[in-house]
């Protein structure tokens, strides 16, 4: 294995734009949820005329789902996506415009920049927060919100390694709480599934890259500020093997009821 300094320098130099984690191939692994979110999203895209993807990141997941939907002979005539981070906006635009999707700059806070009842399908993969009242507002009656969210205490083995115990934060992002908020906004939850999935970080460069990219895990993370803990973790990985953590994911589908006759 290369030296600590070499691994750190490489991980600090690489771009973290977009939501593509292929740089970690061979250096880190994460089990995928059994349900296959992108495939399920593609099936739903093939049945609607209008769709919105919230907090699309670099557009990779939506682009992949649109490409999977296309062979079925139908793509929504209206597809929009929102994103707040400028580097991701540029990347999403490059990926999604050729597929007919409009990318809109949005601050990930209410209100969404769309009219009431504008979309049959609203989707999101790993939103920072779901604004349920806004989701319900832009959905047409009979339309659905379909998303994969980050669950409670996700990757907290790594987070707490740097920040120490966070008992209150461990209680956030609970599927039962978020599904209750969806119902309060007037939506009917028709599917809710959750899983915890094994992750392995095989070198310290993978850890640095991950924390640079997923910036909310260890807020304000820098190599300089966490150098001592990084050195300790590097030594641990070299002596004991991969650092193991667990991600939490849940799938949620919520439908906006049609008015009663």
C-alpha atoms as a PDB file:
ATOM      1  CA  UNK A   1       0.000   0.000   0.000  1.00  0.00           C
ATOM      2  CA  UNK A   2       1.168   3.515  -0.742  1.00  0.00           C
ATOM      3  CA  UNK A   3       2.194   5.861   2.035  1.00  0.00           C
ATOM      4  CA  UNK A   4      -0.256   7.861   4.100  1.00  0.00           C
ATOM      5  CA  UNK A   5       0.923  11.071   2.454  1.00  0.00           C
ATOM      6  CA  UNK A   6       0.506   9.689  -1.067  1.00  0.00           C
ATOM      7  CA  UNK A   7      -3.017   8.433  -0.405  1.00  0.00           C
ATOM      8  CA  UNK A   8      -4.065  11.706   1.196  1.00  0.00           C
ATOM      9  CA  UNK A   9      -2.605  13.835  -1.619  1.00  0.00           C
ATOM     10  CA  UNK A  10      -4.400  11.777  -4.271  1.00  0.00           C
ATOM     11  CA  UNK A  11      -7.759  11.948  -2.473  1.00  0.00           C
ATOM     12  CA  UNK A  12      -7.485  15.697  -1.946  1.00  0.00           C
ATOM     13  CA  UNK A  13      -6.637  16.349  -5.613  1.00  0.00           C
ATOM     14  CA  UNK A  14      -9.482  14.433  -7.284  1.00  0.00           C
ATOM     15  CA  UNK A  15     -12.720  16.225  -8.230  1.00  0.00           C
ATOM     16  CA  UNK A  16     -15.794  15.492  -6.094  1.00  0.00           C
ATOM     17  CA  UNK A  17     -18.333  17.065  -8.472  1.00  0.00           C
ATOM     18  CA  UNK A  18     -21.450  15.091  -9.288  1.00  0.00           C
ATOM     19  CA  UNK A  19     -22.767  11.953  -7.635  1.00  0.00           C
ATOM     20  CA  UNK A  20     -20.567   9.341  -9.314  1.00  0.00           C
ATOM     21  CA  UNK A  21     -18.538   7.284  -6.835  1.00  0.00           C
ATOM     22  CA  UNK A  22     -16.579   5.251  -9.394  1.00  0.00           C
ATOM     23  CA  UNK A  23     -13.289   6.698  -8.087  1.00  0.00           C
ATOM     24  CA  UNK A  24     -13.790   4.404  -5.097  1.00  0.00           C
ATOM     25  CA  UNK A  25     -13.816   1.223  -7.206  1.00  0.00           C
ATOM     26  CA  UNK A  26     -11.390  -1.207  -5.599  1.00  0.00           C
ATOM     27  CA  UNK A  27     -10.921   1.114  -2.603  1.00  0.00           C
ATOM     28  CA  UNK A  28     -14.342   1.009  -0.935  1.00  0.00           C
ATOM     29  CA  UNK A  29     -17.502  -1.037  -1.238  1.00  0.00           C
ATOM     30  CA  UNK A  30     -21.141  -0.590  -0.250  1.00  0.00           C
ATOM     31  CA  UNK A  31     -23.928  -3.123  -0.462  1.00  0.00           C
ATOM     32  CA  UNK A  32     -26.886  -1.949  -2.529  1.00  0.00           C
ATOM     33  CA  UNK A  33     -30.506  -2.103  -1.343  1.00  0.00           C
ATOM     34  CA  UNK A  34     -32.340  -5.179  -2.555  1.00  0.00           C
ATOM     35  CA  UNK A  35     -35.147  -3.227  -4.229  1.00  0.00           C
ATOM     36  CA  UNK A  36     -33.078  -1.607  -7.036  1.00  0.00           C
ATOM     37  CA  UNK A  37     -34.193   2.026  -6.888  1.00  0.00           C
ATOM     38  CA  UNK A  38     -33.057   3.114 -10.356  1.00  0.00           C
ATOM     39  CA  UNK A  39     -34.839   0.201 -12.054  1.00  0.00           C
ATOM     40  CA  UNK A  40     -38.059   0.859 -10.132  1.00  0.00           C
ATOM     41  CA  UNK A  41     -37.858   4.563 -10.955  1.00  0.00           C
ATOM     42  CA  UNK A  42     -37.469   3.738 -14.643  1.00  0.00           C
ATOM     43  CA  UNK A  43     -40.640   1.634 -14.522  1.00  0.00           C
ATOM     44  CA  UNK A  44     -42.561   4.564 -13.088  1.00  0.00           C
ATOM     45  CA  UNK A  45     -41.111   7.040 -15.580  1.00  0.00           C
ATOM     46  CA  UNK A  46     -42.436   4.830 -18.370  1.00  0.00           C
ATOM     47  CA  UNK A  47     -46.012   5.336 -17.172  1.00  0.00           C
ATOM     48  CA  UNK A  48     -46.311   9.114 -16.601  1.00  0.00           C
ATOM     49  CA  UNK A  49     -46.435  12.259 -18.731  1.00  0.00           C
ATOM     50  CA  UNK A  50     -44.660  14.585 -16.290  1.00  0.00           C
ATOM     51  CA  UNK A  51     -41.913  13.984 -13.734  1.00  0.00           C
ATOM     52  CA  UNK A  52     -39.766  15.997 -11.330  1.00  0.00           C
ATOM     53  CA  UNK A  53     -36.564  14.797  -9.674  1.00  0.00           C
ATOM     54  CA  UNK A  54     -35.726  16.802  -6.533  1.00  0.00           C
ATOM     55  CA  UNK A  55     -32.105  17.362  -5.436  1.00  0.00           C
ATOM     56  CA  UNK A  56     -30.871  15.455  -8.466  1.00  0.00           C
ATOM     57  CA  UNK A  57     -27.165  15.854  -7.681  1.00  0.00           C
ATOM     58  CA  UNK A  58     -25.203  15.450 -10.877  1.00  0.00           C
ATOM     59  CA  UNK A  59     -28.227  13.882 -12.587  1.00  0.00           C
ATOM     60  CA  UNK A  60     -26.625  10.446 -12.807  1.00  0.00           C
ATOM     61  CA  UNK A  61     -29.466   8.468 -11.228  1.00  0.00           C
ATOM     62  CA  UNK A  62     -32.236  10.202 -13.173  1.00  0.00           C
ATOM     63  CA  UNK A  63     -30.283   9.916 -16.435  1.00  0.00           C
ATOM     64  CA  UNK A  64     -29.790   6.210 -15.855  1.00  0.00           C
ATOM     65  CA  UNK A  65     -33.474   5.718 -15.087  1.00  0.00           C
ATOM     66  CA  UNK A  66     -34.511   7.617 -18.227  1.00  0.00           C
ATOM     67  CA  UNK A  67     -32.210   5.470 -20.346  1.00  0.00           C
ATOM     68  CA  UNK A  68     -33.707   2.331 -18.801  1.00  0.00           C
ATOM     69  CA  UNK A  69     -37.230   3.629 -19.464  1.00  0.00           C
ATOM     70  CA  UNK A  70     -36.593   4.543 -23.098  1.00  0.00           C
ATOM     71  CA  UNK A  71     -36.561   0.961 -24.502  1.00  0.00           C
ATOM     72  CA  UNK A  72     -40.068   0.512 -23.103  1.00  0.00           C
ATOM     73  CA  UNK A  73     -41.189   2.952 -25.779  1.00  0.00           C
ATOM     74  CA  UNK A  74     -42.143   5.911 -23.595  1.00  0.00           C
ATOM     75  CA  UNK A  75     -40.448   8.827 -21.877  1.00  0.00           C
ATOM     76  CA  UNK A  76     -42.374  11.567 -20.084  1.00  0.00           C
ATOM     77  CA  UNK A  77     -42.811  14.584 -22.390  1.00  0.00           C
ATOM     78  CA  UNK A  78     -42.128  16.812 -19.366  1.00  0.00           C
ATOM     79  CA  UNK A  79     -39.145  16.030 -17.138  1.00  0.00           C
ATOM     80  CA  UNK A  80     -37.572  18.513 -14.740  1.00  0.00           C
ATOM     81  CA  UNK A  81     -34.903  18.272 -12.054  1.00  0.00           C
ATOM     82  CA  UNK A  82     -33.786  20.605  -9.275  1.00  0.00           C
ATOM     83  CA  UNK A  83     -30.334  21.045  -7.757  1.00  0.00           C
ATOM     84  CA  UNK A  84     -28.672  23.655  -5.547  1.00  0.00           C
ATOM     85  CA  UNK A  85     -24.903  23.101  -5.793  1.00  0.00           C
ATOM     86  CA  UNK A  86     -23.424  24.924  -8.843  1.00  0.00           C
ATOM     87  CA  UNK A  87     -20.900  22.210  -9.858  1.00  0.00           C
ATOM     88  CA  UNK A  88     -23.693  19.636  -9.780  1.00  0.00           C
ATOM     89  CA  UNK A  89     -26.000  21.947 -11.737  1.00  0.00           C
ATOM     90  CA  UNK A  90     -23.510  22.089 -14.587  1.00  0.00           C
ATOM     91  CA  UNK A  91     -22.985  18.329 -14.547  1.00  0.00           C
ATOM     92  CA  UNK A  92     -26.705  17.561 -14.393  1.00  0.00           C
ATOM     93  CA  UNK A  93     -27.377  19.919 -17.277  1.00  0.00           C
ATOM     94  CA  UNK A  94     -24.814  18.141 -19.457  1.00  0.00           C
ATOM     95  CA  UNK A  95     -26.279  14.742 -18.628  1.00  0.00           C
ATOM     96  CA  UNK A  96     -29.992  15.504 -18.667  1.00  0.00           C
ATOM     97  CA  UNK A  97     -30.518  18.062 -21.439  1.00  0.00           C
ATOM     98  CA  UNK A  98     -29.777  15.490 -24.189  1.00  0.00           C
ATOM     99  CA  UNK A  99     -32.474  13.318 -22.606  1.00  0.00           C
ATOM    100  CA  UNK A 100     -35.028  16.130 -22.757  1.00  0.00           C
ATOM    101  CA  UNK A 101     -34.944  17.066 -19.073  1.00  0.00           C
ATOM    102  CA  UNK A 102     -34.871  20.646 -17.807  1.00  0.00           C
ATOM    103  CA  UNK A 103     -32.517  21.363 -14.887  1.00  0.00           C
ATOM    104  CA  UNK A 104     -33.587  24.156 -12.536  1.00  0.00           C
ATOM    105  CA  UNK A 105     -31.441  25.877  -9.889  1.00  0.00           C
ATOM    106  CA  UNK A 106     -33.188  25.625  -6.520  1.00  0.00           C
ATOM    107  CA  UNK A 107     -32.035  26.148  -2.930  1.00  0.00           C
ATOM    108  CA  UNK A 108     -33.614  22.915  -1.627  1.00  0.00           C
ATOM    109  CA  UNK A 109     -35.991  24.928   0.542  1.00  0.00           C
ATOM    110  CA  UNK A 110     -39.686  25.747   0.077  1.00  0.00           C
ATOM    111  CA  UNK A 111     -41.244  26.691  -2.183  1.00  0.00           C
ATOM    112  CA  UNK A 112     -40.440  24.468  -5.130  1.00  0.00           C
ATOM    113  CA  UNK A 113     -40.281  26.626  -8.300  1.00  0.00           C
ATOM    114  CA  UNK A 114     -43.299  24.980  -9.935  1.00  0.00           C
ATOM    115  CA  UNK A 115     -47.048  25.492 -10.045  1.00  0.00           C
ATOM    116  CA  UNK A 116     -49.577  23.472  -8.070  1.00  0.00           C
ATOM    117  CA  UNK A 117     -50.334  19.986  -9.444  1.00  0.00           C
ATOM    118  CA  UNK A 118     -47.604  20.217 -12.082  1.00  0.00           C
ATOM    119  CA  UNK A 119     -46.292  16.617 -11.990  1.00  0.00           C
ATOM    120  CA  UNK A 120     -47.581  13.059 -11.984  1.00  0.00           C
ATOM    121  CA  UNK A 121     -44.353  11.769 -10.442  1.00  0.00           C
ATOM    122  CA  UNK A 122     -41.918  13.375  -8.012  1.00  0.00           C
ATOM    123  CA  UNK A 123     -38.749  11.453  -7.203  1.00  0.00           C
ATOM    124  CA  UNK A 124     -35.568  11.880  -5.226  1.00  0.00           C
ATOM    125  CA  UNK A 125     -32.572   9.781  -4.285  1.00  0.00           C
ATOM    126  CA  UNK A 126     -31.047  10.703  -0.933  1.00  0.00           C
ATOM    127  CA  UNK A 127     -32.599  14.145  -0.425  1.00  0.00           C
ATOM    128  CA  UNK A 128     -31.101  16.162   2.399  1.00  0.00           C
ATOM    129  CA  UNK A 129     -34.671  16.804   3.543  1.00  0.00           C
ATOM    130  CA  UNK A 130     -38.092  16.024   2.126  1.00  0.00           C
ATOM    131  CA  UNK A 131     -40.407  19.042   2.214  1.00  0.00           C
ATOM    132  CA  UNK A 132     -43.630  17.050   2.282  1.00  0.00           C
ATOM    133  CA  UNK A 133     -46.080  19.929   1.974  1.00  0.00           C
ATOM    134  CA  UNK A 134     -44.318  21.148  -1.177  1.00  0.00           C
ATOM    135  CA  UNK A 135     -44.130  17.643  -2.613  1.00  0.00           C
ATOM    136  CA  UNK A 136     -47.872  17.247  -2.075  1.00  0.00           C
ATOM    137  CA  UNK A 137     -48.554  20.674  -3.604  1.00  0.00           C
ATOM    138  CA  UNK A 138     -46.782  20.001  -6.918  1.00  0.00           C
ATOM    139  CA  UNK A 139     -48.206  16.486  -7.309  1.00  0.00           C
ATOM    140  CA  UNK A 140     -51.316  15.982  -9.374  1.00  0.00           C
ATOM    141  CA  UNK A 141     -54.135  14.052  -7.718  1.00  0.00           C
ATOM    142  CA  UNK A 142     -53.334  10.384  -8.207  1.00  0.00           C
ATOM    143  CA  UNK A 143     -49.635  11.171  -8.625  1.00  0.00           C
ATOM    144  CA  UNK A 144     -46.865   9.697  -6.497  1.00  0.00           C
ATOM    145  CA  UNK A 145     -43.684  10.575  -4.681  1.00  0.00           C
ATOM    146  CA  UNK A 146     -41.157   7.774  -5.141  1.00  0.00           C
ATOM    147  CA  UNK A 147     -37.791   8.027  -3.421  1.00  0.00           C
ATOM    148  CA  UNK A 148     -34.883   6.376  -1.686  1.00  0.00           C
ATOM    149  CA  UNK A 149     -33.942   8.203   1.493  1.00  0.00           C
ATOM    150  CA  UNK A 150     -30.972   7.944   3.814  1.00  0.00           C
ATOM    151  CA  UNK A 151     -32.062   6.275   7.043  1.00  0.00           C
ATOM    152  CA  UNK A 152     -31.074   6.759  10.684  1.00  0.00           C
ATOM    153  CA  UNK A 153     -27.442   6.641  11.869  1.00  0.00           C
ATOM    154  CA  UNK A 154     -26.163   6.031   8.356  1.00  0.00           C
ATOM    155  CA  UNK A 155     -22.371   5.502   8.264  1.00  0.00           C
ATOM    156  CA  UNK A 156     -22.254   6.633  11.893  1.00  0.00           C
ATOM    157  CA  UNK A 157     -19.333   4.319  12.647  1.00  0.00           C
ATOM    158  CA  UNK A 158     -17.271   6.712  10.506  1.00  0.00           C
ATOM    159  CA  UNK A 159     -19.060   9.907  11.557  1.00  0.00           C
ATOM    160  CA  UNK A 160     -18.624   9.197  15.258  1.00  0.00           C
ATOM    161  CA  UNK A 161     -15.008   8.170  14.759  1.00  0.00           C
ATOM    162  CA  UNK A 162     -14.325  11.832  13.927  1.00  0.00           C
ATOM    163  CA  UNK A 163     -17.035  13.632  15.923  1.00  0.00           C
ATOM    164  CA  UNK A 164     -17.570  11.417  18.955  1.00  0.00           C
ATOM    165  CA  UNK A 165     -20.924  10.017  20.155  1.00  0.00           C
ATOM    166  CA  UNK A 166     -24.006  11.698  18.663  1.00  0.00           C
ATOM    167  CA  UNK A 167     -26.992  10.093  20.410  1.00  0.00           C
ATOM    168  CA  UNK A 168     -29.515  12.748  19.347  1.00  0.00           C
ATOM    169  CA  UNK A 169     -28.406  12.710  15.709  1.00  0.00           C
ATOM    170  CA  UNK A 170     -28.850   8.934  15.679  1.00  0.00           C
ATOM    171  CA  UNK A 171     -32.591   9.498  16.101  1.00  0.00           C
ATOM    172  CA  UNK A 172     -32.954  11.543  12.896  1.00  0.00           C
ATOM    173  CA  UNK A 173     -34.128  10.336   9.473  1.00  0.00           C
ATOM    174  CA  UNK A 174     -36.400   7.642  10.882  1.00  0.00           C
ATOM    175  CA  UNK A 175     -38.726   6.036   8.297  1.00  0.00           C
ATOM    176  CA  UNK A 176     -41.677   6.026  10.694  1.00  0.00           C
ATOM    177  CA  UNK A 177     -41.291   9.756  11.381  1.00  0.00           C
ATOM    178  CA  UNK A 178     -40.935  10.684   7.705  1.00  0.00           C
ATOM    179  CA  UNK A 179     -43.896   8.541   6.689  1.00  0.00           C
ATOM    180  CA  UNK A 180     -45.966  10.244   9.399  1.00  0.00           C
ATOM    181  CA  UNK A 181     -44.929  13.657   7.994  1.00  0.00           C
ATOM    182  CA  UNK A 182     -45.986  12.509   4.517  1.00  0.00           C
ATOM    183  CA  UNK A 183     -49.422  11.558   5.857  1.00  0.00           C
ATOM    184  CA  UNK A 184     -49.736  14.907   7.647  1.00  0.00           C
ATOM    185  CA  UNK A 185     -49.172  16.578   4.265  1.00  0.00           C
ATOM    186  CA  UNK A 186     -52.125  14.644   2.842  1.00  0.00           C
ATOM    187  CA  UNK A 187     -50.292  11.789   1.126  1.00  0.00           C
ATOM    188  CA  UNK A 188     -51.030   8.064   1.420  1.00  0.00           C
ATOM    189  CA  UNK A 189     -47.917   5.955   2.079  1.00  0.00           C
ATOM    190  CA  UNK A 190     -48.261   2.855  -0.101  1.00  0.00           C
ATOM    191  CA  UNK A 191     -44.782   1.366   0.309  1.00  0.00           C
ATOM    192  CA  UNK A 192     -42.082   1.662   2.985  1.00  0.00           C
ATOM    193  CA  UNK A 193     -39.008  -0.587   3.201  1.00  0.00           C
ATOM    194  CA  UNK A 194     -35.697  -0.158   5.018  1.00  0.00           C
ATOM    195  CA  UNK A 195     -32.307  -1.880   5.087  1.00  0.00           C
ATOM    196  CA  UNK A 196     -28.880  -1.485   6.704  1.00  0.00           C
ATOM    197  CA  UNK A 197     -26.004  -2.229   4.345  1.00  0.00           C
ATOM    198  CA  UNK A 198     -22.331  -3.036   4.907  1.00  0.00           C
ATOM    199  CA  UNK A 199     -19.660  -0.580   3.761  1.00  0.00           C
ATOM    200  CA  UNK A 200     -15.880  -1.106   3.718  1.00  0.00           C
ATOM    201  CA  UNK A 201     -13.162   1.547   3.393  1.00  0.00           C
ATOM    202  CA  UNK A 202      -9.940  -0.153   2.318  1.00  0.00           C
ATOM    203  CA  UNK A 203      -7.540   2.781   2.485  1.00  0.00           C
ATOM    204  CA  UNK A 204      -7.419   6.237   4.036  1.00  0.00           C
ATOM    205  CA  UNK A 205      -7.724   7.893   0.638  1.00  0.00           C
ATOM    206  CA  UNK A 206     -11.172   6.369   0.263  1.00  0.00           C
ATOM    207  CA  UNK A 207     -12.206   7.863   3.603  1.00  0.00           C
ATOM    208  CA  UNK A 208     -10.956  11.334   2.652  1.00  0.00           C
ATOM    209  CA  UNK A 209     -12.651  11.232  -0.750  1.00  0.00           C
ATOM    210  CA  UNK A 210     -15.945  10.077   0.784  1.00  0.00           C
ATOM    211  CA  UNK A 211     -15.955  12.818   3.435  1.00  0.00           C
ATOM    212  CA  UNK A 212     -15.049  15.486   0.867  1.00  0.00           C
ATOM    213  CA  UNK A 213     -17.925  14.369  -1.349  1.00  0.00           C
ATOM    214  CA  UNK A 214     -20.633  13.664   1.236  1.00  0.00           C
ATOM    215  CA  UNK A 215     -20.026  16.947   3.018  1.00  0.00           C
ATOM    216  CA  UNK A 216     -22.808  16.649   5.624  1.00  0.00           C
ATOM    217  CA  UNK A 217     -21.284  13.531   7.196  1.00  0.00           C
ATOM    218  CA  UNK A 218     -18.514  15.416   9.031  1.00  0.00           C
ATOM    219  CA  UNK A 219     -19.390  19.097   8.556  1.00  0.00           C
ATOM    220  CA  UNK A 220     -16.392  21.250   7.728  1.00  0.00           C
ATOM    221  CA  UNK A 221     -14.174  18.217   7.184  1.00  0.00           C
ATOM    222  CA  UNK A 222     -10.600  18.977   6.122  1.00  0.00           C
ATOM    223  CA  UNK A 223      -7.478  16.873   6.228  1.00  0.00           C
ATOM    224  CA  UNK A 224      -5.668  19.537   8.237  1.00  0.00           C
ATOM    225  CA  UNK A 225      -8.353  19.725  10.925  1.00  0.00           C
ATOM    226  CA  UNK A 226      -8.538  15.927  11.302  1.00  0.00           C
ATOM    227  CA  UNK A 227      -4.965  14.936  10.546  1.00  0.00           C
ATOM    228  CA  UNK A 228      -4.289  13.080  13.811  1.00  0.00           C
ATOM    229  CA  UNK A 229      -7.455  10.976  13.566  1.00  0.00           C
ATOM    230  CA  UNK A 230      -6.716  10.241   9.910  1.00  0.00           C
ATOM    231  CA  UNK A 231      -3.242   8.990  10.809  1.00  0.00           C
ATOM    232  CA  UNK A 232      -4.718   6.765  13.516  1.00  0.00           C
ATOM    233  CA  UNK A 233      -7.318   5.389  11.128  1.00  0.00           C
ATOM    234  CA  UNK A 234      -4.702   4.773   8.445  1.00  0.00           C
ATOM    235  CA  UNK A 235      -2.668   2.742  10.929  1.00  0.00           C
ATOM    236  CA  UNK A 236      -5.755   0.814  11.972  1.00  0.00           C
ATOM    237  CA  UNK A 237      -6.667  -0.088   8.371  1.00  0.00           C
ATOM    238  CA  UNK A 238      -3.109  -1.219   7.652  1.00  0.00           C
ATOM    239  CA  UNK A 239      -3.046  -3.406  10.763  1.00  0.00           C
ATOM    240  CA  UNK A 240      -6.614  -4.758  10.882  1.00  0.00           C
ATOM    241  CA  UNK A 241      -8.032  -4.460   7.362  1.00  0.00           C
ATOM    242  CA  UNK A 242     -10.959  -2.403   6.018  1.00  0.00           C
ATOM    243  CA  UNK A 243     -12.846   0.002   8.227  1.00  0.00           C
ATOM    244  CA  UNK A 244     -16.434  -1.274   8.358  1.00  0.00           C
ATOM    245  CA  UNK A 245     -19.505   0.959   8.575  1.00  0.00           C
ATOM    246  CA  UNK A 246     -23.171   0.530   7.698  1.00  0.00           C
ATOM    247  CA  UNK A 247     -25.353   2.744   5.538  1.00  0.00           C
ATOM    248  CA  UNK A 248     -29.094   3.027   6.184  1.00  0.00           C
ATOM    249  CA  UNK A 249     -31.568   3.318   3.321  1.00  0.00           C
ATOM    250  CA  UNK A 250     -35.325   3.301   3.043  1.00  0.00           C
ATOM    251  CA  UNK A 251     -37.657   3.237   0.067  1.00  0.00           C
ATOM    252  CA  UNK A 252     -40.831   5.269   0.305  1.00  0.00           C
ATOM    253  CA  UNK A 253     -43.741   5.667  -2.095  1.00  0.00           C
ATOM    254  CA  UNK A 254     -46.555   8.055  -1.227  1.00  0.00           C
ATOM    255  CA  UNK A 255     -49.602   8.833  -3.363  1.00  0.00           C
ATOM    256  CA  UNK A 256     -51.711  11.985  -3.523  1.00  0.00           C
ATOM    257  CA  UNK A 257     -55.357  10.911  -3.298  1.00  0.00           C
ATOM    258  CA  UNK A 258     -57.796  11.814  -6.017  1.00  0.00           C
ATOM    259  CA  UNK A 259     -60.783  13.917  -4.939  1.00  0.00           C
ATOM    260  CA  UNK A 260     -63.747  11.853  -3.924  1.00  0.00           C
ATOM    261  CA  UNK A 261     -66.719  12.082  -6.348  1.00  0.00           C
END
